[in-house]
Amino acid sequence: MGTSLSRRALLFGRANSTAAPVATVSGACLTYLGVACQSCRDACPESAIRFRPSRAIAQPEIDGERCSGCGECLAPCPTRALSIHPEQRP
């Protein structure tokens, strides 16, 4: 029998690729502008978005191993600072 593909793999074009979709944060993120916001973290069903303390406002960090690329974090972001991109995984 051949390899079984998930619907998600087919939808994201991963049938013949090792690229997996993951979220990335751009410089438009409110936390980079000094505004406390964690709406993406609250929306993430995989708990892949964490906010690491810094000297000022906690900064977002995406855990590429946990991120499923589902896109649930995109809509809640008031500045549209998140996007989904393929990431090469070993």
PDB file of N, CA and C in Angstrom:
ATOM      1  N   MET A   1       0.819  -1.177   0.000  1.00  0.00           N
ATOM      2  CA  MET A   1       0.000   0.000   0.000  1.00  0.00           C
ATOM      3  C   MET A   1       0.867   1.246   0.000  1.00  0.00           C
ATOM      4  N   GLY A   2       0.298   2.340  -0.536  1.00  0.00           N
ATOM      5  CA  GLY A   2       1.016   3.604  -0.579  1.00  0.00           C
ATOM      6  C   GLY A   2       0.947   4.328   0.749  1.00  0.00           C
ATOM      7  N   THR A   3       1.621   5.465   0.802  1.00  0.00           N
ATOM      8  CA  THR A   3       1.622   6.270   2.008  1.00  0.00           C
ATOM      9  C   THR A   3       0.289   6.986   2.162  1.00  0.00           C
ATOM     10  N   SER A   4      -0.266   6.975   3.345  1.00  0.00           N
ATOM     11  CA  SER A   4      -1.524   7.661   3.612  1.00  0.00           C
ATOM     12  C   SER A   4      -1.248   9.126   3.910  1.00  0.00           C
ATOM     13  N   LEU A   5      -2.011  10.008   3.266  1.00  0.00           N
ATOM     14  CA  LEU A   5      -1.851  11.438   3.482  1.00  0.00           C
ATOM     15  C   LEU A   5      -3.053  11.981   4.227  1.00  0.00           C
ATOM     16  N   SER A   6      -2.801  12.913   5.122  1.00  0.00           N
ATOM     17  CA  SER A   6      -3.902  13.550   5.818  1.00  0.00           C
ATOM     18  C   SER A   6      -4.525  14.610   4.912  1.00  0.00           C
ATOM     19  N   ARG A   7      -5.753  14.993   5.237  1.00  0.00           N
ATOM     20  CA  ARG A   7      -6.404  16.067   4.484  1.00  0.00           C
ATOM     21  C   ARG A   7      -5.589  17.345   4.565  1.00  0.00           C
ATOM     22  N   ARG A   8      -5.028  17.599   5.739  1.00  0.00           N
ATOM     23  CA  ARG A   8      -4.233  18.800   5.942  1.00  0.00           C
ATOM     24  C   ARG A   8      -3.007  18.821   5.031  1.00  0.00           C
ATOM     25  N   ALA A   9      -2.344  17.690   4.893  1.00  0.00           N
ATOM     26  CA  ALA A   9      -1.170  17.603   4.023  1.00  0.00           C
ATOM     27  C   ALA A   9      -1.548  17.888   2.582  1.00  0.00           C
ATOM     28  N   LEU A  10      -2.684  17.385   2.164  1.00  0.00           N
ATOM     29  CA  LEU A  10      -3.141  17.639   0.803  1.00  0.00           C
ATOM     30  C   LEU A  10      -3.526  19.102   0.603  1.00  0.00           C
ATOM     31  N   LEU A  11      -4.234  19.670   1.579  1.00  0.00           N
ATOM     32  CA  LEU A  11      -4.665  21.063   1.472  1.00  0.00           C
ATOM     33  C   LEU A  11      -3.494  22.034   1.413  1.00  0.00           C
ATOM     34  N   PHE A  12      -2.443  21.741   2.162  1.00  0.00           N
ATOM     35  CA  PHE A  12      -1.289  22.631   2.192  1.00  0.00           C
ATOM     36  C   PHE A  12      -0.203  22.218   1.199  1.00  0.00           C
ATOM     37  N   GLY A  13      -0.504  21.282   0.316  1.00  0.00           N
ATOM     38  CA  GLY A  13       0.443  20.901  -0.724  1.00  0.00           C
ATOM     39  C   GLY A  13       1.678  20.204  -0.219  1.00  0.00           C
ATOM     40  N   ARG A  14       1.534  19.401   0.816  1.00  0.00           N
ATOM     41  CA  ARG A  14       2.698  18.722   1.385  1.00  0.00           C
ATOM     42  C   ARG A  14       2.789  17.271   0.962  1.00  0.00           C
ATOM     43  N   ALA A  15       2.119  16.901  -0.086  1.00  0.00           N
ATOM     44  CA  ALA A  15       2.109  15.499  -0.502  1.00  0.00           C
ATOM     45  C   ALA A  15       3.512  14.986  -0.807  1.00  0.00           C
ATOM     46  N   ASN A  16       4.343  15.803  -1.401  1.00  0.00           N
ATOM     47  CA  ASN A  16       5.694  15.374  -1.770  1.00  0.00           C
ATOM     48  C   ASN A  16       6.751  16.305  -1.200  1.00  0.00           C
ATOM     49  N   SER A  17       6.501  16.850  -0.037  1.00  0.00           N
ATOM     50  CA  SER A  17       7.413  17.842   0.522  1.00  0.00           C
ATOM     51  C   SER A  17       7.586  17.611   2.010  1.00  0.00           C
ATOM     52  N   THR A  18       8.719  18.082   2.545  1.00  0.00           N
ATOM     53  CA  THR A  18       8.937  18.035   3.981  1.00  0.00           C
ATOM     54  C   THR A  18       8.607  19.382   4.606  1.00  0.00           C
ATOM     55  N   ALA A  19       8.075  20.319   3.816  1.00  0.00           N
ATOM     56  CA  ALA A  19       7.713  21.632   4.332  1.00  0.00           C
ATOM     57  C   ALA A  19       6.394  21.539   5.081  1.00  0.00           C
ATOM     58  N   ALA A  20       6.362  22.074   6.277  1.00  0.00           N
ATOM     59  CA  ALA A  20       5.142  22.104   7.081  1.00  0.00           C
ATOM     60  C   ALA A  20       4.795  23.557   7.352  1.00  0.00           C
ATOM     61  N   PRO A  21       3.529  23.923   7.286  1.00  0.00           N
ATOM     62  CA  PRO A  21       3.170  25.312   7.529  1.00  0.00           C
ATOM     63  C   PRO A  21       3.307  25.673   9.002  1.00  0.00           C
ATOM     64  N   VAL A  22       3.890  26.808   9.277  1.00  0.00           N
ATOM     65  CA  VAL A  22       4.010  27.321  10.637  1.00  0.00           C
ATOM     66  C   VAL A  22       3.733  28.820  10.622  1.00  0.00           C
ATOM     67  N   ALA A  23       3.292  29.332  11.753  1.00  0.00           N
ATOM     68  CA  ALA A  23       3.018  30.760  11.890  1.00  0.00           C
ATOM     69  C   ALA A  23       4.320  31.526  12.086  1.00  0.00           C
ATOM     70  N   THR A  24       4.351  32.745  11.553  1.00  0.00           N
ATOM     71  CA  THR A  24       5.472  33.652  11.787  1.00  0.00           C
ATOM     72  C   THR A  24       4.902  35.004  12.194  1.00  0.00           C
ATOM     73  N   VAL A  25       5.679  35.766  12.948  1.00  0.00           N
ATOM     74  CA  VAL A  25       5.256  37.071  13.447  1.00  0.00           C
ATOM     75  C   VAL A  25       6.086  38.148  12.772  1.00  0.00           C
ATOM     76  N   SER A  26       5.419  39.170  12.245  1.00  0.00           N
ATOM     77  CA  SER A  26       6.136  40.268  11.589  1.00  0.00           C
ATOM     78  C   SER A  26       6.371  41.409  12.577  1.00  0.00           C
ATOM     79  N   GLY A  27       7.079  42.406  12.125  1.00  0.00           N
ATOM     80  CA  GLY A  27       7.377  43.577  12.936  1.00  0.00           C
ATOM     81  C   GLY A  27       6.162  44.432  13.247  1.00  0.00           C
ATOM     82  N   ALA A  28       5.019  44.133  12.627  1.00  0.00           N
ATOM     83  CA  ALA A  28       3.795  44.877  12.898  1.00  0.00           C
ATOM     84  C   ALA A  28       3.129  44.456  14.204  1.00  0.00           C
ATOM     85  N   CYS A  29       3.655  43.438  14.858  1.00  0.00           N
ATOM     86  CA  CYS A  29       3.093  42.949  16.117  1.00  0.00           C
ATOM     87  C   CYS A  29       3.074  44.077  17.143  1.00  0.00           C
ATOM     88  N   LEU A  30       1.939  44.227  17.820  1.00  0.00           N
ATOM     89  CA  LEU A  30       1.789  45.301  18.801  1.00  0.00           C
ATOM     90  C   LEU A  30       2.825  45.235  19.914  1.00  0.00           C
ATOM     91  N   THR A  31       3.247  44.031  20.296  1.00  0.00           N
ATOM     92  CA  THR A  31       4.225  43.923  21.380  1.00  0.00           C
ATOM     93  C   THR A  31       5.557  44.568  20.992  1.00  0.00           C
ATOM     94  N   TYR A  32       5.904  44.537  19.705  1.00  0.00           N
ATOM     95  CA  TYR A  32       7.142  45.179  19.254  1.00  0.00           C
ATOM     96  C   TYR A  32       7.018  46.703  19.286  1.00  0.00           C
ATOM     97  N   LEU A  33       5.768  47.170  19.345  1.00  0.00           N
ATOM     98  CA  LEU A  33       5.508  48.607  19.394  1.00  0.00           C
ATOM     99  C   LEU A  33       5.235  49.079  20.829  1.00  0.00           C
ATOM    100  N   GLY A  34       5.420  48.165  21.797  1.00  0.00           N
ATOM    101  CA  GLY A  34       5.262  48.525  23.195  1.00  0.00           C
ATOM    102  C   GLY A  34       3.848  48.397  23.735  1.00  0.00           C
ATOM    103  N   VAL A  35       2.977  47.721  23.023  1.00  0.00           N
ATOM    104  CA  VAL A  35       1.589  47.536  23.451  1.00  0.00           C
ATOM    105  C   VAL A  35       1.393  46.079  23.868  1.00  0.00           C
ATOM    106  N   ALA A  36       0.856  45.874  25.050  1.00  0.00           N
ATOM    107  CA  ALA A  36       0.620  44.518  25.544  1.00  0.00           C
ATOM    108  C   ALA A  36      -0.561  43.893  24.804  1.00  0.00           C
ATOM    109  N   CYS A  37      -0.315  42.814  24.105  1.00  0.00           N
ATOM    110  CA  CYS A  37      -1.357  42.085  23.378  1.00  0.00           C
ATOM    111  C   CYS A  37      -0.923  40.629  23.300  1.00  0.00           C
ATOM    112  N   GLN A  38      -1.832  39.739  23.580  1.00  0.00           N
ATOM    113  CA  GLN A  38      -1.537  38.309  23.482  1.00  0.00           C
ATOM    114  C   GLN A  38      -2.718  37.566  22.873  1.00  0.00           C
ATOM    115  N   SER A  39      -3.433  38.228  21.976  1.00  0.00           N
ATOM    116  CA  SER A  39      -4.623  37.629  21.378  1.00  0.00           C
ATOM    117  C   SER A  39      -4.287  36.390  20.556  1.00  0.00           C
ATOM    118  N   CYS A  40      -3.133  36.363  19.921  1.00  0.00           N
ATOM    119  CA  CYS A  40      -2.748  35.185  19.132  1.00  0.00           C
ATOM    120  C   CYS A  40      -2.521  33.982  20.034  1.00  0.00           C
ATOM    121  N   ARG A  41      -1.892  34.202  21.159  1.00  0.00           N
ATOM    122  CA  ARG A  41      -1.648  33.115  22.110  1.00  0.00           C
ATOM    123  C   ARG A  41      -2.966  32.533  22.615  1.00  0.00           C
ATOM    124  N   ASP A  42      -3.900  33.406  22.919  1.00  0.00           N
ATOM    125  CA  ASP A  42      -5.188  32.958  23.437  1.00  0.00           C
ATOM    126  C   ASP A  42      -5.961  32.144  22.400  1.00  0.00           C
ATOM    127  N   ALA A  43      -5.758  32.423  21.125  1.00  0.00           N
ATOM    128  CA  ALA A  43      -6.488  31.736  20.054  1.00  0.00           C
ATOM    129  C   ALA A  43      -5.831  30.437  19.600  1.00  0.00           C
ATOM    130  N   CYS A  44      -4.588  30.210  19.959  1.00  0.00           N
ATOM    131  CA  CYS A  44      -3.838  29.047  19.467  1.00  0.00           C
ATOM    132  C   CYS A  44      -4.273  27.758  20.162  1.00  0.00           C
ATOM    133  N   PRO A  45      -4.890  26.822  19.417  1.00  0.00           N
ATOM    134  CA  PRO A  45      -5.341  25.574  20.031  1.00  0.00           C
ATOM    135  C   PRO A  45      -4.193  24.625  20.387  1.00  0.00           C
ATOM    136  N   GLU A  46      -3.025  24.851  19.805  1.00  0.00           N
ATOM    137  CA  GLU A  46      -1.876  23.978  20.047  1.00  0.00           C
ATOM    138  C   GLU A  46      -0.951  24.507  21.140  1.00  0.00           C
ATOM    139  N   SER A  47      -1.256  25.689  21.679  1.00  0.00           N
ATOM    140  CA  SER A  47      -0.391  26.365  22.661  1.00  0.00           C
ATOM    141  C   SER A  47       1.025  26.525  22.114  1.00  0.00           C
ATOM    142  N   ALA A  48       1.114  26.847  20.826  1.00  0.00           N
ATOM    143  CA  ALA A  48       2.413  26.993  20.167  1.00  0.00           C
ATOM    144  C   ALA A  48       2.965  28.407  20.266  1.00  0.00           C
ATOM    145  N   ILE A  49       2.140  29.354  20.693  1.00  0.00           N
ATOM    146  CA  ILE A  49       2.588  30.743  20.812  1.00  0.00           C
ATOM    147  C   ILE A  49       2.749  31.065  22.283  1.00  0.00           C
ATOM    148  N   ARG A  50       3.954  31.460  22.622  1.00  0.00           N
ATOM    149  CA  ARG A  50       4.266  31.830  24.002  1.00  0.00           C
ATOM    150  C   ARG A  50       4.823  33.236  24.011  1.00  0.00           C
ATOM    151  N   PHE A  51       4.721  33.872  25.133  1.00  0.00           N
ATOM    152  CA  PHE A  51       5.264  35.215  25.275  1.00  0.00           C
ATOM    153  C   PHE A  51       6.364  35.183  26.320  1.00  0.00           C
ATOM    154  N   ARG A  52       7.561  35.454  25.866  1.00  0.00           N
ATOM    155  CA  ARG A  52       8.727  35.438  26.750  1.00  0.00           C
ATOM    156  C   ARG A  52       8.929  36.818  27.355  1.00  0.00           C
ATOM    157  N   PRO A  53       9.169  36.859  28.645  1.00  0.00           N
ATOM    158  CA  PRO A  53       9.398  38.154  29.296  1.00  0.00           C
ATOM    159  C   PRO A  53      10.608  38.879  28.703  1.00  0.00           C
ATOM    160  N   SER A  54      10.496  40.169  28.663  1.00  0.00           N
ATOM    161  CA  SER A  54      11.614  41.004  28.240  1.00  0.00           C
ATOM    162  C   SER A  54      11.660  42.202  29.176  1.00  0.00           C
ATOM    163  N   ARG A  55      12.488  43.153  28.872  1.00  0.00           N
ATOM    164  CA  ARG A  55      12.594  44.326  29.749  1.00  0.00           C
ATOM    165  C   ARG A  55      11.321  45.161  29.752  1.00  0.00           C
ATOM    166  N   ALA A  56      10.602  45.138  28.664  1.00  0.00           N
ATOM    167  CA  ALA A  56       9.374  45.932  28.569  1.00  0.00           C
ATOM    168  C   ALA A  56       8.169  44.999  28.464  1.00  0.00           C
ATOM    169  N   ILE A  57       7.653  44.833  27.272  1.00  0.00           N
ATOM    170  CA  ILE A  57       6.484  43.997  27.008  1.00  0.00           C
ATOM    171  C   ILE A  57       6.965  42.606  26.577  1.00  0.00           C
ATOM    172  N   ALA A  58       6.288  41.568  27.057  1.00  0.00           N
ATOM    173  CA  ALA A  58       6.640  40.193  26.675  1.00  0.00           C
ATOM    174  C   ALA A  58       6.537  40.032  25.159  1.00  0.00           C
ATOM    175  N   GLN A  59       7.505  39.336  24.574  1.00  0.00           N
ATOM    176  CA  GLN A  59       7.603  39.173  23.129  1.00  0.00           C
ATOM    177  C   GLN A  59       7.106  37.792  22.692  1.00  0.00           C
ATOM    178  N   PRO A  60       6.418  37.708  21.522  1.00  0.00           N
ATOM    179  CA  PRO A  60       5.890  36.423  21.058  1.00  0.00           C
ATOM    180  C   PRO A  60       6.988  35.508  20.539  1.00  0.00           C
ATOM    181  N   GLU A  61       6.777  34.228  20.752  1.00  0.00           N
ATOM    182  CA  GLU A  61       7.697  33.209  20.268  1.00  0.00           C
ATOM    183  C   GLU A  61       6.859  32.033  19.777  1.00  0.00           C
ATOM    184  N   ILE A  62       7.113  31.583  18.543  1.00  0.00           N
ATOM    185  CA  ILE A  62       6.371  30.466  17.964  1.00  0.00           C
ATOM    186  C   ILE A  62       7.190  29.195  18.121  1.00  0.00           C
ATOM    187  N   ASP A  63       6.584  28.179  18.688  1.00  0.00           N
ATOM    188  CA  ASP A  63       7.218  26.866  18.796  1.00  0.00           C
ATOM    189  C   ASP A  63       6.877  26.095  17.523  1.00  0.00           C
ATOM    190  N   GLY A  64       7.832  26.007  16.607  1.00  0.00           N
ATOM    191  CA  GLY A  64       7.623  25.363  15.315  1.00  0.00           C
ATOM    192  C   GLY A  64       7.246  23.895  15.401  1.00  0.00           C
ATOM    193  N   GLU A  65       7.630  23.239  16.472  1.00  0.00           N
ATOM    194  CA  GLU A  65       7.279  21.829  16.645  1.00  0.00           C
ATOM    195  C   GLU A  65       5.821  21.660  17.048  1.00  0.00           C
ATOM    196  N   ARG A  66       5.283  22.625  17.767  1.00  0.00           N
ATOM    197  CA  ARG A  66       3.891  22.546  18.223  1.00  0.00           C
ATOM    198  C   ARG A  66       2.919  23.167  17.230  1.00  0.00           C
ATOM    199  N   CYS A  67       3.386  24.152  16.462  1.00  0.00           N
ATOM    200  CA  CYS A  67       2.509  24.861  15.528  1.00  0.00           C
ATOM    201  C   CYS A  67       2.049  23.914  14.423  1.00  0.00           C
ATOM    202  N   SER A  68       0.736  23.839  14.252  1.00  0.00           N
ATOM    203  CA  SER A  68       0.177  22.972  13.223  1.00  0.00           C
ATOM    204  C   SER A  68      -0.100  23.732  11.928  1.00  0.00           C
ATOM    205  N   GLY A  69       0.061  25.052  11.958  1.00  0.00           N
ATOM    206  CA  GLY A  69      -0.222  25.849  10.775  1.00  0.00           C
ATOM    207  C   GLY A  69      -1.704  26.012  10.518  1.00  0.00           C
ATOM    208  N   CYS A  70      -2.532  25.827  11.548  1.00  0.00           N
ATOM    209  CA  CYS A  70      -3.984  25.860  11.383  1.00  0.00           C
ATOM    210  C   CYS A  70      -4.515  27.248  11.038  1.00  0.00           C
ATOM    211  N   GLY A  71      -3.808  28.306  11.443  1.00  0.00           N
ATOM    212  CA  GLY A  71      -4.232  29.662  11.121  1.00  0.00           C
ATOM    213  C   GLY A  71      -5.214  30.280  12.096  1.00  0.00           C
ATOM    214  N   GLU A  72      -5.513  29.603  13.190  1.00  0.00           N
ATOM    215  CA  GLU A  72      -6.459  30.146  14.181  1.00  0.00           C
ATOM    216  C   GLU A  72      -5.954  31.454  14.793  1.00  0.00           C
ATOM    217  N   CYS A  73      -4.667  31.690  14.765  1.00  0.00           N
ATOM    218  CA  CYS A  73      -4.083  32.894  15.350  1.00  0.00           C
ATOM    219  C   CYS A  73      -4.194  34.118  14.436  1.00  0.00           C
ATOM    220  N   LEU A  74      -4.483  33.915  13.165  1.00  0.00           N
ATOM    221  CA  LEU A  74      -4.486  35.018  12.201  1.00  0.00           C
ATOM    222  C   LEU A  74      -5.596  36.026  12.434  1.00  0.00           C
ATOM    223  N   ALA A  75      -6.820  35.590  12.538  1.00  0.00           N
ATOM    224  CA  ALA A  75      -7.966  36.500  12.644  1.00  0.00           C
ATOM    225  C   ALA A  75      -7.960  37.366  13.903  1.00  0.00           C
ATOM    226  N   PRO A  76      -7.595  36.847  15.067  1.00  0.00           N
ATOM    227  CA  PRO A  76      -7.636  37.687  16.268  1.00  0.00           C
ATOM    228  C   PRO A  76      -6.583  38.798  16.296  1.00  0.00           C
ATOM    229  N   CYS A  77      -5.554  38.710  15.484  1.00  0.00           N
ATOM    230  CA  CYS A  77      -4.475  39.703  15.506  1.00  0.00           C
ATOM    231  C   CYS A  77      -4.971  41.040  14.949  1.00  0.00           C
ATOM    232  N   PRO A  78      -4.977  42.098  15.769  1.00  0.00           N
ATOM    233  CA  PRO A  78      -5.499  43.383  15.321  1.00  0.00           C
ATOM    234  C   PRO A  78      -4.653  44.068  14.246  1.00  0.00           C
ATOM    235  N   THR A  79      -3.388  43.685  14.111  1.00  0.00           N
ATOM    236  CA  THR A  79      -2.529  44.318  13.107  1.00  0.00           C
ATOM    237  C   THR A  79      -2.152  43.380  11.963  1.00  0.00           C
ATOM    238  N   ARG A  80      -2.733  42.190  11.967  1.00  0.00           N
ATOM    239  CA  ARG A  80      -2.426  41.181  10.934  1.00  0.00           C
ATOM    240  C   ARG A  80      -0.919  40.899  10.850  1.00  0.00           C
ATOM    241  N   ALA A  81      -0.314  40.800  12.004  1.00  0.00           N
ATOM    242  CA  ALA A  81       1.134  40.594  12.085  1.00  0.00           C
ATOM    243  C   ALA A  81       1.539  39.135  11.925  1.00  0.00           C
ATOM    244  N   LEU A  82       0.574  38.231  11.922  1.00  0.00           N
ATOM    245  CA  LEU A  82       0.899  36.822  11.781  1.00  0.00           C
ATOM    246  C   LEU A  82       0.578  36.326  10.380  1.00  0.00           C
ATOM    247  N   SER A  83       1.372  35.373   9.936  1.00  0.00           N
ATOM    248  CA  SER A  83       1.124  34.728   8.650  1.00  0.00           C
ATOM    249  C   SER A  83       1.597  33.282   8.751  1.00  0.00           C
ATOM    250  N   ILE A  84       1.158  32.485   7.803  1.00  0.00           N
ATOM    251  CA  ILE A  84       1.523  31.077   7.765  1.00  0.00           C
ATOM    252  C   ILE A  84       2.462  30.858   6.593  1.00  0.00           C
ATOM    253  N   HIS A  85       3.611  30.248   6.864  1.00  0.00           N
ATOM    254  CA  HIS A  85       4.611  29.980   5.832  1.00  0.00           C
ATOM    255  C   HIS A  85       5.126  28.549   5.985  1.00  0.00           C
ATOM    256  N   PRO A  86       5.586  27.955   4.902  1.00  0.00           N
ATOM    257  CA  PRO A  86       6.192  26.623   5.030  1.00  0.00           C
ATOM    258  C   PRO A  86       7.536  26.708   5.727  1.00  0.00           C
ATOM    259  N   GLU A  87       7.831  25.709   6.521  1.00  0.00           N
ATOM    260  CA  GLU A  87       9.110  25.629   7.210  1.00  0.00           C
ATOM    261  C   GLU A  87       9.704  24.259   6.910  1.00  0.00           C
ATOM    262  N   GLN A  88      10.954  24.225   6.538  1.00  0.00           N
ATOM    263  CA  GLN A  88      11.598  22.939   6.270  1.00  0.00           C
ATOM    264  C   GLN A  88      11.923  22.251   7.578  1.00  0.00           C
ATOM    265  N   ARG A  89      11.459  21.026   7.699  1.00  0.00           N
ATOM    266  CA  ARG A  89      11.746  20.233   8.898  1.00  0.00           C
ATOM    267  C   ARG A  89      12.532  19.007   8.474  1.00  0.00           C
ATOM    268  N   PRO A  90      13.431  18.531   9.321  1.00  0.00           N
ATOM    269  CA  PRO A  90      14.231  17.342   8.970  1.00  0.00           C
ATOM    270  C   PRO A  90      13.393  16.098   8.806  1.00  0.00           C
TER     271      PRO A  90
END
